[in-house]
Amino acid sequence: MGGVNRLTAYEIYGNPKDIICDATGPDSNGKFVGWITRGPGHNYKPLLNSEPIFNSRKEAILYMKELVEAVRKFIAEELKEKKDPLSLIYSKK
């Protein structure tokens, strides 16, 4: 999964009820940054962020939600194949 390290992908996959997609901005060019964090129980630990490329907060959040869904699908497929050492741990859950 380009741009997302495997450990972060598994953290997103393994915590479906504790992932928040948000955005900040606008910056000096009027662009917004998308964020994916853990929830309040983890002090909103940052997991991923974008560059300031979005034209609105809504657009940034929508993209980050789509990214979360893509990560979840990717890891779900990986768990079926059980090739990665992490998949052996997560597939036991």
Protein backbone atom coordinates (compact mmCIF):
# COMPACT_ATOMS: atom_id res chain seq x y z
CA MET A 1 0.00 0.00 0.00
CA GLY A 2 1.94 3.02 -1.25
CA GLY A 3 2.47 5.82 1.23
CA VAL A 4 1.13 3.91 4.24
CA ASN A 5 3.50 1.77 6.24
CA ARG A 6 2.30 -1.70 7.13
CA LEU A 7 2.26 -1.14 10.90
CA THR A 8 0.05 1.94 10.52
CA ALA A 9 -2.21 0.03 8.13
CA TYR A 10 -2.67 -2.74 10.71
CA GLU A 11 -3.36 -0.17 13.43
CA ILE A 12 -6.09 1.37 11.27
CA TYR A 13 -7.51 -2.05 10.43
CA GLY A 14 -7.44 -3.34 13.99
CA ASN A 15 -9.21 -0.36 15.55
CA PRO A 16 -12.29 0.35 13.43
CA LYS A 17 -14.16 2.15 16.22
CA ASP A 18 -11.22 4.28 17.29
CA ILE A 19 -10.17 5.99 14.04
CA ILE A 20 -10.97 9.63 13.36
CA CYS A 21 -10.74 11.42 10.02
CA ASP A 22 -10.45 15.18 10.25
CA ALA A 23 -8.88 18.17 8.51
CA THR A 24 -7.20 21.46 9.29
CA GLY A 25 -6.88 24.64 7.31
CA PRO A 26 -7.05 26.61 5.26
CA ASP A 27 -3.36 27.40 4.95
CA SER A 28 -2.03 30.60 3.38
CA ASN A 29 -2.91 29.21 -0.08
CA GLY A 30 -6.45 28.31 0.95
CA LYS A 31 -5.75 24.55 1.04
CA PHE A 32 -6.65 21.97 3.69
CA VAL A 33 -4.70 19.05 5.21
CA GLY A 34 -6.42 15.72 5.88
CA TRP A 35 -5.65 13.74 9.06
CA ILE A 36 -6.24 10.21 10.31
CA THR A 37 -5.81 9.81 14.07
CA ARG A 38 -6.71 7.42 16.87
CA GLY A 39 -9.55 8.48 19.13
CA PRO A 40 -9.64 10.24 22.51
CA GLY A 41 -8.55 7.10 24.36
CA HIS A 42 -5.22 7.42 22.58
CA ASN A 43 -4.98 11.23 22.82
CA TYR A 44 -5.78 11.57 19.11
CA LYS A 45 -2.47 9.92 18.16
CA PRO A 46 -1.65 11.02 14.58
CA LEU A 47 -1.41 8.11 12.14
CA LEU A 48 -1.44 9.75 8.70
CA ASN A 49 -1.75 13.18 7.18
CA SER A 50 -1.87 14.57 3.67
CA GLU A 51 -0.17 17.53 2.10
CA PRO A 52 -2.28 20.73 1.94
CA ILE A 53 -3.97 19.84 -1.35
CA PHE A 54 -7.69 19.91 -0.64
CA ASN A 55 -9.99 22.78 -1.52
CA SER A 56 -12.27 22.29 1.49
CA ARG A 57 -12.38 20.62 4.88
CA LYS A 58 -15.20 18.40 3.66
CA GLU A 59 -13.15 17.23 0.65
CA ALA A 60 -10.15 16.43 2.87
CA ILE A 61 -12.22 14.42 5.35
CA LEU A 62 -13.98 12.50 2.58
CA TYR A 63 -10.63 11.55 1.03
CA MET A 64 -9.22 10.41 4.38
CA LYS A 65 -12.31 8.25 4.99
CA GLU A 66 -11.83 6.69 1.55
CA LEU A 67 -8.20 6.04 2.42
CA VAL A 68 -9.20 4.33 5.68
CA GLU A 69 -11.59 2.09 3.74
CA ALA A 70 -8.90 1.25 1.16
CA VAL A 71 -6.45 0.37 3.96
CA ARG A 72 -9.03 -1.88 5.62
CA LYS A 73 -9.75 -3.71 2.36
CA PHE A 74 -6.02 -4.12 1.66
CA ILE A 75 -5.33 -5.60 5.09
CA ALA A 76 -8.41 -7.84 4.94
CA GLU A 77 -7.05 -9.34 1.72
CA GLU A 78 -3.60 -9.69 3.23
CA LEU A 79 -5.05 -11.56 6.19
CA LYS A 80 -6.58 -14.10 3.83
CA GLU A 81 -3.17 -14.84 2.33
CA LYS A 82 -1.27 -14.92 5.66
CA LYS A 83 2.05 -14.01 4.04
CA ASP A 84 3.05 -11.15 6.32
CA PRO A 85 4.16 -11.94 9.91
CA LEU A 86 1.69 -9.35 11.22
CA SER A 87 -1.14 -11.11 9.42
CA LEU A 88 -0.45 -14.23 11.47
CA ILE A 89 -0.99 -12.23 14.66
CA TYR A 90 -4.11 -10.37 13.46
CA SER A 91 -5.71 -13.42 11.89
CA LYS A 92 -5.89 -15.03 15.36
CA LYS A 93 -8.23 -12.27 16.63
